[in-house]
N, C-alpha and C. Protein backbone atom coordinates (compact mmCIF):
# COMPACT_ATOMS: atom_id res chain seq x y z
N MET A 1 -0.38 3.36 -0.31
CA MET A 1 0.70 4.30 -0.03
C MET A 1 1.70 3.65 0.92
N PHE A 2 1.83 2.33 0.84
CA PHE A 2 2.75 1.63 1.74
C PHE A 2 4.16 2.17 1.66
N ALA A 3 4.69 2.26 0.47
CA ALA A 3 6.08 2.69 0.30
C ALA A 3 6.29 4.11 0.79
N ALA A 4 5.36 4.99 0.52
CA ALA A 4 5.52 6.39 0.94
C ALA A 4 5.45 6.50 2.47
N HIS A 5 4.59 5.73 3.12
CA HIS A 5 4.53 5.75 4.58
C HIS A 5 5.85 5.24 5.16
N LEU A 6 6.36 4.16 4.60
CA LEU A 6 7.67 3.65 5.05
C LEU A 6 8.76 4.67 4.82
N ALA A 7 8.77 5.27 3.65
CA ALA A 7 9.80 6.26 3.31
C ALA A 7 9.71 7.47 4.23
N ALA A 8 8.50 7.89 4.58
CA ALA A 8 8.34 9.01 5.52
C ALA A 8 8.90 8.65 6.88
N GLY A 9 8.59 7.45 7.36
CA GLY A 9 9.12 7.01 8.65
C GLY A 9 10.64 6.95 8.65
N LEU A 10 11.22 6.43 7.58
CA LEU A 10 12.68 6.36 7.49
C LEU A 10 13.31 7.74 7.41
N ALA A 11 12.69 8.64 6.65
CA ALA A 11 13.23 10.00 6.54
C ALA A 11 13.17 10.71 7.89
N ILE A 12 12.08 10.55 8.61
CA ILE A 12 11.96 11.17 9.93
C ILE A 12 13.00 10.58 10.88
N ARG A 13 13.22 9.28 10.81
CA ARG A 13 14.23 8.64 11.65
C ARG A 13 15.62 9.17 11.33
N ALA A 14 15.90 9.40 10.06
CA ALA A 14 17.21 9.93 9.68
C ALA A 14 17.40 11.36 10.18
N ILE A 15 16.34 12.13 10.19
CA ILE A 15 16.41 13.51 10.69
C ILE A 15 16.57 13.52 12.21
N GLN A 16 15.89 12.59 12.88
CA GLN A 16 15.95 12.52 14.34
C GLN A 16 16.37 11.12 14.79
N PRO A 17 17.67 10.85 14.84
CA PRO A 17 18.15 9.51 15.19
C PRO A 17 17.81 9.06 16.62
N LYS A 18 17.36 9.96 17.49
CA LYS A 18 16.98 9.56 18.85
C LYS A 18 15.72 8.69 18.85
N ALA A 19 14.92 8.83 17.84
CA ALA A 19 13.69 8.04 17.75
C ALA A 19 14.02 6.66 17.19
N PRO A 20 13.64 5.61 17.91
CA PRO A 20 13.89 4.26 17.37
C PRO A 20 13.17 4.06 16.04
N ALA A 21 13.81 3.33 15.15
CA ALA A 21 13.22 3.11 13.82
C ALA A 21 11.84 2.46 13.93
N TRP A 22 11.70 1.49 14.82
CA TRP A 22 10.41 0.80 14.92
C TRP A 22 9.30 1.78 15.34
N SER A 23 9.65 2.78 16.17
CA SER A 23 8.62 3.70 16.64
C SER A 23 8.12 4.60 15.52
N VAL A 24 9.02 5.14 14.70
CA VAL A 24 8.56 6.03 13.63
C VAL A 24 7.92 5.24 12.49
N LEU A 25 8.37 4.01 12.25
CA LEU A 25 7.73 3.20 11.21
C LEU A 25 6.33 2.78 11.65
N THR A 26 6.18 2.41 12.91
CA THR A 26 4.84 2.09 13.43
C THR A 26 3.97 3.33 13.40
N ALA A 27 4.53 4.46 13.81
CA ALA A 27 3.78 5.72 13.84
C ALA A 27 3.28 6.10 12.45
N ALA A 28 4.11 5.90 11.44
CA ALA A 28 3.72 6.27 10.07
C ALA A 28 2.52 5.46 9.59
N PHE A 29 2.33 4.26 10.15
CA PHE A 29 1.22 3.40 9.77
C PHE A 29 0.10 3.37 10.81
N LEU A 30 0.23 4.13 11.88
CA LEU A 30 -0.73 4.03 12.99
C LEU A 30 -2.19 4.19 12.57
N PRO A 31 -2.55 5.18 11.76
CA PRO A 31 -3.96 5.27 11.34
C PRO A 31 -4.44 4.02 10.59
N ASP A 32 -3.56 3.41 9.80
CA ASP A 32 -3.94 2.17 9.10
C ASP A 32 -4.10 1.02 10.08
N LEU A 33 -3.28 0.98 11.12
CA LEU A 33 -3.41 -0.07 12.13
C LEU A 33 -4.73 0.08 12.89
N PHE A 34 -5.09 1.32 13.22
CA PHE A 34 -6.39 1.55 13.84
C PHE A 34 -7.51 1.18 12.88
N TRP A 35 -7.35 1.51 11.60
CA TRP A 35 -8.39 1.19 10.62
C TRP A 35 -8.62 -0.32 10.56
N ILE A 36 -7.55 -1.10 10.57
CA ILE A 36 -7.69 -2.56 10.53
C ILE A 36 -8.50 -3.04 11.73
N GLY A 37 -8.17 -2.52 12.90
CA GLY A 37 -8.91 -2.91 14.10
C GLY A 37 -10.35 -2.45 14.07
N PHE A 38 -10.57 -1.20 13.66
CA PHE A 38 -11.93 -0.67 13.59
C PHE A 38 -12.76 -1.38 12.53
N ALA A 39 -12.14 -1.72 11.40
CA ALA A 39 -12.87 -2.45 10.35
C ALA A 39 -13.24 -3.84 10.86
N GLY A 40 -12.31 -4.48 11.54
CA GLY A 40 -12.59 -5.81 12.09
C GLY A 40 -13.70 -5.79 13.12
N ALA A 41 -13.79 -4.68 13.86
CA ALA A 41 -14.84 -4.54 14.88
C ALA A 41 -16.15 -4.04 14.31
N GLY A 42 -16.17 -3.70 13.01
CA GLY A 42 -17.38 -3.22 12.37
C GLY A 42 -17.63 -1.72 12.53
N LEU A 43 -16.68 -0.99 13.11
CA LEU A 43 -16.85 0.45 13.28
C LEU A 43 -16.58 1.23 12.00
N GLU A 44 -15.72 0.67 11.16
CA GLU A 44 -15.38 1.33 9.90
C GLU A 44 -15.52 0.32 8.76
N PRO A 45 -16.70 0.28 8.14
CA PRO A 45 -16.93 -0.69 7.06
C PRO A 45 -15.97 -0.45 5.90
N ALA A 46 -15.49 -1.52 5.33
CA ALA A 46 -14.48 -1.42 4.28
C ALA A 46 -14.99 -1.81 2.91
N SER A 47 -16.26 -2.10 2.76
CA SER A 47 -16.78 -2.47 1.45
C SER A 47 -16.91 -1.23 0.57
N ASP A 48 -16.91 -1.45 -0.74
CA ASP A 48 -17.05 -0.32 -1.66
C ASP A 48 -18.37 0.42 -1.45
N ALA A 49 -19.41 -0.32 -1.12
CA ALA A 49 -20.73 0.29 -0.95
C ALA A 49 -20.83 1.13 0.32
N ALA A 50 -20.08 0.76 1.34
CA ALA A 50 -20.21 1.45 2.63
C ALA A 50 -18.84 1.75 3.24
N PHE A 51 -17.94 2.32 2.46
CA PHE A 51 -16.60 2.61 2.99
C PHE A 51 -16.64 3.81 3.92
N PHE A 52 -16.02 3.66 5.10
CA PHE A 52 -15.91 4.75 6.06
C PHE A 52 -14.67 4.52 6.91
N ASP A 53 -13.84 5.54 7.05
CA ASP A 53 -12.67 5.41 7.93
C ASP A 53 -12.41 6.70 8.71
N GLY A 54 -13.47 7.41 9.05
CA GLY A 54 -13.34 8.67 9.76
C GLY A 54 -12.81 8.55 11.17
N TRP A 55 -13.06 7.41 11.82
CA TRP A 55 -12.54 7.26 13.18
C TRP A 55 -11.03 7.09 13.19
N SER A 56 -10.48 6.48 12.18
CA SER A 56 -9.02 6.25 12.14
C SER A 56 -8.29 7.27 11.27
N HIS A 57 -8.95 7.84 10.26
CA HIS A 57 -8.25 8.65 9.27
C HIS A 57 -8.70 10.10 9.15
N SER A 58 -9.59 10.58 10.00
CA SER A 58 -9.93 12.00 9.92
C SER A 58 -8.76 12.82 10.45
N ALA A 59 -8.71 14.08 10.08
CA ALA A 59 -7.61 14.94 10.54
C ALA A 59 -7.58 15.01 12.06
N ALA A 60 -8.74 15.14 12.68
CA ALA A 60 -8.79 15.20 14.14
C ALA A 60 -8.32 13.90 14.77
N SER A 61 -8.75 12.78 14.22
CA SER A 61 -8.33 11.48 14.75
C SER A 61 -6.82 11.28 14.63
N ILE A 62 -6.27 11.65 13.50
CA ILE A 62 -4.83 11.49 13.31
C ILE A 62 -4.07 12.40 14.26
N LEU A 63 -4.56 13.60 14.50
CA LEU A 63 -3.92 14.50 15.46
C LEU A 63 -3.95 13.90 16.87
N ILE A 64 -5.08 13.35 17.27
CA ILE A 64 -5.19 12.71 18.59
C ILE A 64 -4.25 11.50 18.66
N GLU A 65 -4.22 10.68 17.61
CA GLU A 65 -3.31 9.53 17.58
C GLU A 65 -1.87 9.99 17.72
N ALA A 66 -1.51 11.08 17.05
CA ALA A 66 -0.13 11.59 17.11
C ALA A 66 0.22 12.04 18.53
N ILE A 67 -0.69 12.74 19.17
CA ILE A 67 -0.43 13.24 20.53
C ILE A 67 -0.29 12.07 21.50
N LEU A 68 -1.23 11.14 21.45
CA LEU A 68 -1.21 10.03 22.40
C LEU A 68 -0.04 9.08 22.16
N PHE A 69 0.24 8.76 20.90
CA PHE A 69 1.33 7.83 20.60
C PHE A 69 2.68 8.46 20.92
N SER A 70 2.85 9.73 20.61
CA SER A 70 4.13 10.38 20.91
C SER A 70 4.34 10.50 22.42
N ALA A 71 3.27 10.65 23.18
CA ALA A 71 3.39 10.70 24.64
C ALA A 71 3.95 9.41 25.21
N CYS A 72 3.74 8.31 24.51
CA CYS A 72 4.30 7.02 24.95
C CYS A 72 5.82 7.01 24.88
N PHE A 73 6.40 7.98 24.22
CA PHE A 73 7.85 8.02 24.04
C PHE A 73 8.47 9.21 24.77
N ALA A 74 7.87 9.60 25.88
CA ALA A 74 8.37 10.73 26.66
C ALA A 74 9.82 10.51 27.11
N ARG A 75 10.20 9.27 27.33
CA ARG A 75 11.57 8.98 27.76
C ARG A 75 12.61 9.38 26.71
N LEU A 76 12.18 9.56 25.49
CA LEU A 76 13.11 9.97 24.42
C LEU A 76 13.38 11.47 24.45
N GLY A 77 12.61 12.19 25.25
CA GLY A 77 12.74 13.63 25.27
C GLY A 77 11.91 14.26 24.17
N ARG A 78 11.91 15.57 24.16
CA ARG A 78 11.09 16.31 23.20
C ARG A 78 11.43 15.98 21.74
N PRO A 79 12.72 15.92 21.35
CA PRO A 79 13.02 15.61 19.95
C PRO A 79 12.49 14.25 19.50
N GLY A 80 12.62 13.26 20.35
CA GLY A 80 12.11 11.92 20.00
C GLY A 80 10.61 11.89 19.91
N MET A 81 9.95 12.55 20.87
CA MET A 81 8.49 12.61 20.85
C MET A 81 7.98 13.33 19.61
N LEU A 82 8.64 14.44 19.27
CA LEU A 82 8.22 15.19 18.07
C LEU A 82 8.40 14.36 16.81
N ALA A 83 9.46 13.57 16.75
CA ALA A 83 9.69 12.71 15.58
C ALA A 83 8.58 11.68 15.46
N VAL A 84 8.21 11.05 16.56
CA VAL A 84 7.14 10.05 16.54
C VAL A 84 5.81 10.71 16.16
N GLY A 85 5.52 11.86 16.74
CA GLY A 85 4.30 12.58 16.40
C GLY A 85 4.27 13.00 14.94
N ALA A 86 5.41 13.47 14.44
CA ALA A 86 5.49 13.86 13.02
C ALA A 86 5.25 12.67 12.11
N ALA A 87 5.73 11.50 12.51
CA ALA A 87 5.52 10.30 11.69
C ALA A 87 4.03 9.96 11.60
N VAL A 88 3.32 10.08 12.72
CA VAL A 88 1.87 9.83 12.68
C VAL A 88 1.21 10.88 11.80
N LEU A 89 1.56 12.14 12.01
CA LEU A 89 0.94 13.23 11.23
C LEU A 89 1.25 13.14 9.74
N SER A 90 2.39 12.53 9.38
CA SER A 90 2.73 12.40 7.95
C SER A 90 1.69 11.58 7.20
N HIS A 91 0.94 10.78 7.93
CA HIS A 91 -0.08 9.94 7.30
C HIS A 91 -1.15 10.79 6.60
N LEU A 92 -1.47 11.92 7.20
CA LEU A 92 -2.55 12.75 6.66
C LEU A 92 -2.24 13.30 5.26
N PRO A 93 -1.13 14.04 5.07
CA PRO A 93 -0.89 14.56 3.72
C PRO A 93 -0.62 13.45 2.70
N LEU A 94 -0.01 12.37 3.14
CA LEU A 94 0.25 11.28 2.19
C LEU A 94 -1.05 10.63 1.74
N ASP A 95 -1.97 10.39 2.66
CA ASP A 95 -3.24 9.79 2.28
C ASP A 95 -4.15 10.75 1.54
N MET A 96 -4.00 12.05 1.79
CA MET A 96 -4.81 13.02 1.05
C MET A 96 -4.59 12.89 -0.46
N LEU A 97 -3.40 12.47 -0.84
CA LEU A 97 -3.07 12.36 -2.26
C LEU A 97 -3.76 11.19 -2.93
N ILE A 98 -3.92 10.08 -2.22
CA ILE A 98 -4.45 8.87 -2.85
C ILE A 98 -5.30 8.05 -1.89
N HIS A 99 -6.44 8.50 -1.59
CA HIS A 99 -7.28 7.79 -0.64
C HIS A 99 -8.61 7.47 -1.31
N PRO A 100 -9.22 6.30 -1.01
CA PRO A 100 -10.48 5.92 -1.67
C PRO A 100 -11.59 6.95 -1.48
N GLN A 101 -11.62 7.60 -0.35
CA GLN A 101 -12.59 8.66 -0.07
C GLN A 101 -11.80 9.86 0.44
N PRO A 102 -12.29 11.08 0.22
CA PRO A 102 -11.62 12.23 0.82
C PRO A 102 -11.58 12.09 2.34
N LEU A 103 -10.52 12.56 2.96
CA LEU A 103 -10.39 12.46 4.41
C LEU A 103 -11.23 13.56 5.07
N GLN A 104 -11.92 13.19 6.11
CA GLN A 104 -12.78 14.13 6.82
C GLN A 104 -11.96 14.93 7.83
N ILE A 105 -12.43 16.11 8.17
CA ILE A 105 -11.77 16.92 9.20
C ILE A 105 -11.93 16.23 10.56
N TRP A 106 -13.12 15.73 10.85
CA TRP A 106 -13.40 14.91 12.03
C TRP A 106 -14.39 13.84 11.58
N PRO A 107 -14.57 12.77 12.35
CA PRO A 107 -15.48 11.70 11.91
C PRO A 107 -16.88 12.23 11.59
N HIS A 108 -17.39 11.83 10.45
CA HIS A 108 -18.72 12.20 9.95
C HIS A 108 -18.84 13.67 9.57
N SER A 109 -17.72 14.36 9.38
CA SER A 109 -17.74 15.76 8.97
C SER A 109 -18.05 15.86 7.48
N SER A 110 -18.74 16.93 7.11
CA SER A 110 -18.97 17.17 5.68
C SER A 110 -17.79 17.92 5.06
N ILE A 111 -16.88 18.42 5.89
CA ILE A 111 -15.68 19.10 5.40
C ILE A 111 -14.60 18.04 5.18
N VAL A 112 -14.09 17.98 3.96
CA VAL A 112 -13.15 16.92 3.61
C VAL A 112 -11.87 17.48 2.99
N LEU A 113 -10.84 16.66 3.01
CA LEU A 113 -9.54 16.99 2.41
C LEU A 113 -9.19 15.91 1.40
N GLY A 114 -8.63 16.31 0.28
CA GLY A 114 -8.15 15.31 -0.68
C GLY A 114 -8.99 15.23 -1.93
N VAL A 115 -8.70 14.23 -2.72
CA VAL A 115 -9.33 14.02 -4.02
C VAL A 115 -10.69 13.38 -3.83
N SER A 116 -11.70 13.95 -4.48
CA SER A 116 -13.06 13.44 -4.30
C SER A 116 -13.44 12.35 -5.31
N ASP A 117 -12.65 12.16 -6.34
CA ASP A 117 -12.98 11.17 -7.36
C ASP A 117 -11.89 10.11 -7.43
N TRP A 118 -12.10 8.99 -6.76
CA TRP A 118 -11.14 7.90 -6.70
C TRP A 118 -10.78 7.38 -8.09
N ARG A 119 -11.72 7.41 -9.00
CA ARG A 119 -11.48 6.89 -10.35
C ARG A 119 -10.41 7.69 -11.09
N TRP A 120 -10.27 8.98 -10.77
CA TRP A 120 -9.25 9.82 -11.43
C TRP A 120 -7.87 9.20 -11.29
N GLY A 121 -7.54 8.74 -10.13
CA GLY A 121 -6.21 8.20 -9.87
C GLY A 121 -6.00 6.80 -10.38
N GLN A 122 -7.08 6.12 -10.73
CA GLN A 122 -6.95 4.75 -11.21
C GLN A 122 -6.72 4.67 -12.71
N VAL A 123 -6.70 5.79 -13.39
CA VAL A 123 -6.46 5.81 -14.82
C VAL A 123 -5.02 5.36 -15.09
N ALA A 124 -4.87 4.41 -16.00
CA ALA A 124 -3.54 3.88 -16.32
C ALA A 124 -2.77 4.87 -17.20
N LEU A 125 -1.51 5.04 -16.86
CA LEU A 125 -0.62 5.91 -17.62
C LEU A 125 0.54 5.08 -18.17
N LEU A 126 1.70 5.62 -18.11
CA LEU A 126 2.91 4.98 -18.62
C LEU A 126 3.13 3.61 -17.98
N PHE A 127 3.49 2.63 -18.80
CA PHE A 127 3.76 1.24 -18.38
C PHE A 127 2.54 0.59 -17.72
N GLY A 128 1.36 1.12 -17.98
CA GLY A 128 0.15 0.56 -17.41
C GLY A 128 -0.04 0.86 -15.93
N LYS A 129 0.78 1.70 -15.37
CA LYS A 129 0.68 2.06 -13.95
C LYS A 129 -0.27 3.24 -13.79
N SER A 130 -1.04 3.23 -12.71
CA SER A 130 -2.05 4.26 -12.48
C SER A 130 -1.43 5.58 -12.06
N ARG A 131 -2.25 6.61 -12.15
CA ARG A 131 -1.81 7.93 -11.66
C ARG A 131 -1.39 7.84 -10.20
N TYR A 132 -2.17 7.10 -9.40
CA TYR A 132 -1.83 6.97 -7.99
C TYR A 132 -0.46 6.31 -7.81
N TRP A 133 -0.13 5.32 -8.61
CA TRP A 133 1.17 4.66 -8.53
C TRP A 133 2.28 5.67 -8.80
N TRP A 134 2.09 6.50 -9.81
CA TRP A 134 3.11 7.51 -10.15
C TRP A 134 3.20 8.60 -9.08
N ILE A 135 2.07 8.98 -8.51
CA ILE A 135 2.10 9.97 -7.43
C ILE A 135 2.87 9.40 -6.24
N GLN A 136 2.59 8.15 -5.90
CA GLN A 136 3.32 7.53 -4.79
C GLN A 136 4.82 7.48 -5.06
N LEU A 137 5.18 7.16 -6.29
CA LEU A 137 6.60 7.12 -6.63
C LEU A 137 7.22 8.52 -6.51
N ALA A 138 6.49 9.53 -6.96
CA ALA A 138 6.99 10.90 -6.89
C ALA A 138 7.15 11.38 -5.44
N VAL A 139 6.41 10.81 -4.52
CA VAL A 139 6.55 11.14 -3.10
C VAL A 139 7.64 10.28 -2.46
N THR A 140 7.67 9.02 -2.81
CA THR A 140 8.60 8.07 -2.18
C THR A 140 10.05 8.38 -2.51
N LEU A 141 10.35 8.70 -3.76
CA LEU A 141 11.74 8.93 -4.15
C LEU A 141 12.42 10.06 -3.40
N PRO A 142 11.80 11.24 -3.27
CA PRO A 142 12.47 12.29 -2.49
C PRO A 142 12.61 11.94 -1.01
N LEU A 143 11.61 11.26 -0.45
CA LEU A 143 11.71 10.85 0.96
C LEU A 143 12.85 9.86 1.16
N LEU A 144 12.98 8.91 0.25
CA LEU A 144 14.08 7.95 0.36
C LEU A 144 15.44 8.62 0.12
N THR A 145 15.48 9.60 -0.76
CA THR A 145 16.73 10.34 -0.98
C THR A 145 17.13 11.07 0.29
N LEU A 146 16.16 11.72 0.93
CA LEU A 146 16.43 12.40 2.20
C LEU A 146 16.94 11.39 3.24
N TYR A 147 16.28 10.26 3.32
CA TYR A 147 16.69 9.20 4.24
C TYR A 147 18.12 8.77 3.98
N CYS A 148 18.46 8.52 2.74
CA CYS A 148 19.81 8.07 2.41
C CYS A 148 20.86 9.12 2.75
N VAL A 149 20.63 10.35 2.33
CA VAL A 149 21.60 11.42 2.55
C VAL A 149 21.79 11.68 4.05
N LYS A 150 20.70 11.83 4.77
CA LYS A 150 20.79 12.12 6.21
C LYS A 150 21.33 10.94 7.00
N SER A 151 20.95 9.73 6.64
CA SER A 151 21.41 8.55 7.38
C SER A 151 22.90 8.36 7.26
N VAL A 152 23.42 8.54 6.07
CA VAL A 152 24.85 8.33 5.88
C VAL A 152 25.65 9.41 6.61
N ARG A 153 25.10 10.62 6.68
CA ARG A 153 25.82 11.73 7.31
C ARG A 153 25.64 11.80 8.83
N LYS A 154 24.42 11.53 9.33
CA LYS A 154 24.11 11.82 10.73
C LYS A 154 24.03 10.62 11.65
N THR A 155 23.78 9.45 11.15
CA THR A 155 23.53 8.32 12.03
C THR A 155 24.66 7.30 11.94
N ASP A 156 24.60 6.35 12.84
CA ASP A 156 25.59 5.29 12.82
C ASP A 156 25.08 4.06 12.07
N VAL A 157 24.03 4.23 11.29
CA VAL A 157 23.49 3.12 10.50
C VAL A 157 24.44 2.86 9.33
N PRO A 158 24.91 1.62 9.20
CA PRO A 158 25.83 1.31 8.09
C PRO A 158 25.18 1.58 6.73
N ALA A 159 25.98 2.03 5.80
CA ALA A 159 25.49 2.38 4.47
C ALA A 159 24.81 1.20 3.78
N ASN A 160 25.30 -0.02 4.03
CA ASN A 160 24.67 -1.17 3.37
C ASN A 160 23.25 -1.41 3.89
N LEU A 161 22.99 -1.10 5.17
CA LEU A 161 21.62 -1.23 5.69
C LEU A 161 20.71 -0.14 5.15
N VAL A 162 21.26 1.05 4.99
CA VAL A 162 20.49 2.15 4.38
C VAL A 162 20.12 1.76 2.95
N ALA A 163 21.08 1.25 2.21
CA ALA A 163 20.82 0.84 0.83
C ALA A 163 19.81 -0.30 0.77
N ALA A 164 19.95 -1.28 1.66
CA ALA A 164 19.04 -2.41 1.66
C ALA A 164 17.61 -1.98 1.99
N SER A 165 17.45 -1.12 2.99
CA SER A 165 16.10 -0.68 3.33
C SER A 165 15.49 0.16 2.21
N THR A 166 16.32 0.93 1.53
CA THR A 166 15.83 1.71 0.39
C THR A 166 15.35 0.80 -0.73
N VAL A 167 16.13 -0.24 -1.02
CA VAL A 167 15.75 -1.20 -2.07
C VAL A 167 14.46 -1.94 -1.68
N ILE A 168 14.31 -2.28 -0.41
CA ILE A 168 13.10 -2.97 0.04
C ILE A 168 11.87 -2.07 -0.14
N VAL A 169 11.99 -0.82 0.25
CA VAL A 169 10.85 0.10 0.11
C VAL A 169 10.50 0.29 -1.37
N LEU A 170 11.49 0.49 -2.20
CA LEU A 170 11.22 0.62 -3.64
C LEU A 170 10.64 -0.67 -4.21
N GLY A 171 11.14 -1.80 -3.74
CA GLY A 171 10.60 -3.08 -4.18
C GLY A 171 9.14 -3.24 -3.81
N LEU A 172 8.78 -2.80 -2.60
CA LEU A 172 7.38 -2.85 -2.20
C LEU A 172 6.52 -1.98 -3.10
N HIS A 173 7.05 -0.82 -3.45
CA HIS A 173 6.28 0.05 -4.34
C HIS A 173 6.11 -0.60 -5.72
N LEU A 174 7.16 -1.18 -6.23
CA LEU A 174 7.08 -1.83 -7.54
C LEU A 174 6.12 -3.02 -7.50
N ALA A 175 6.08 -3.73 -6.38
CA ALA A 175 5.22 -4.90 -6.26
C ALA A 175 3.74 -4.54 -6.15
N PHE A 176 3.46 -3.38 -5.60
CA PHE A 176 2.06 -2.99 -5.43
C PHE A 176 1.77 -1.84 -6.33
């Protein structure tokens, strides 16, 4: 869901220009960044046989990450902090759509959110692309449209940079 996370961060930045782009883009990927660290430390095994990411990707963990990370941006004021927190929280609904395992409410919880059968999304459809690929595209396009429309109207970001970042995000989606 790389492209959709990027698109969510860009859309949030366009809605709230007080938040630096790097902060909302980092925030949109924060659970994945924690997952990389936790997997490297052996806390969240990443093999197919023993996949677990409840410490980085449970609903409770993502909420805590959002609160703590947004607090780091108190100097931006409430609107900036809310934008950063929203970017972290955007990770939850986006991953619920296409995650290898359903997301837990809290680590090791039996209550889960999302699709329980990973194979369902791996079925190839049009142009040999999987259901998950098409779902990601269906999420990414409206987010990028929001980003483009709001950025051109509300921010001082030049239109050519908005277009370039949109093309890069779409290119990443096409590549993966």
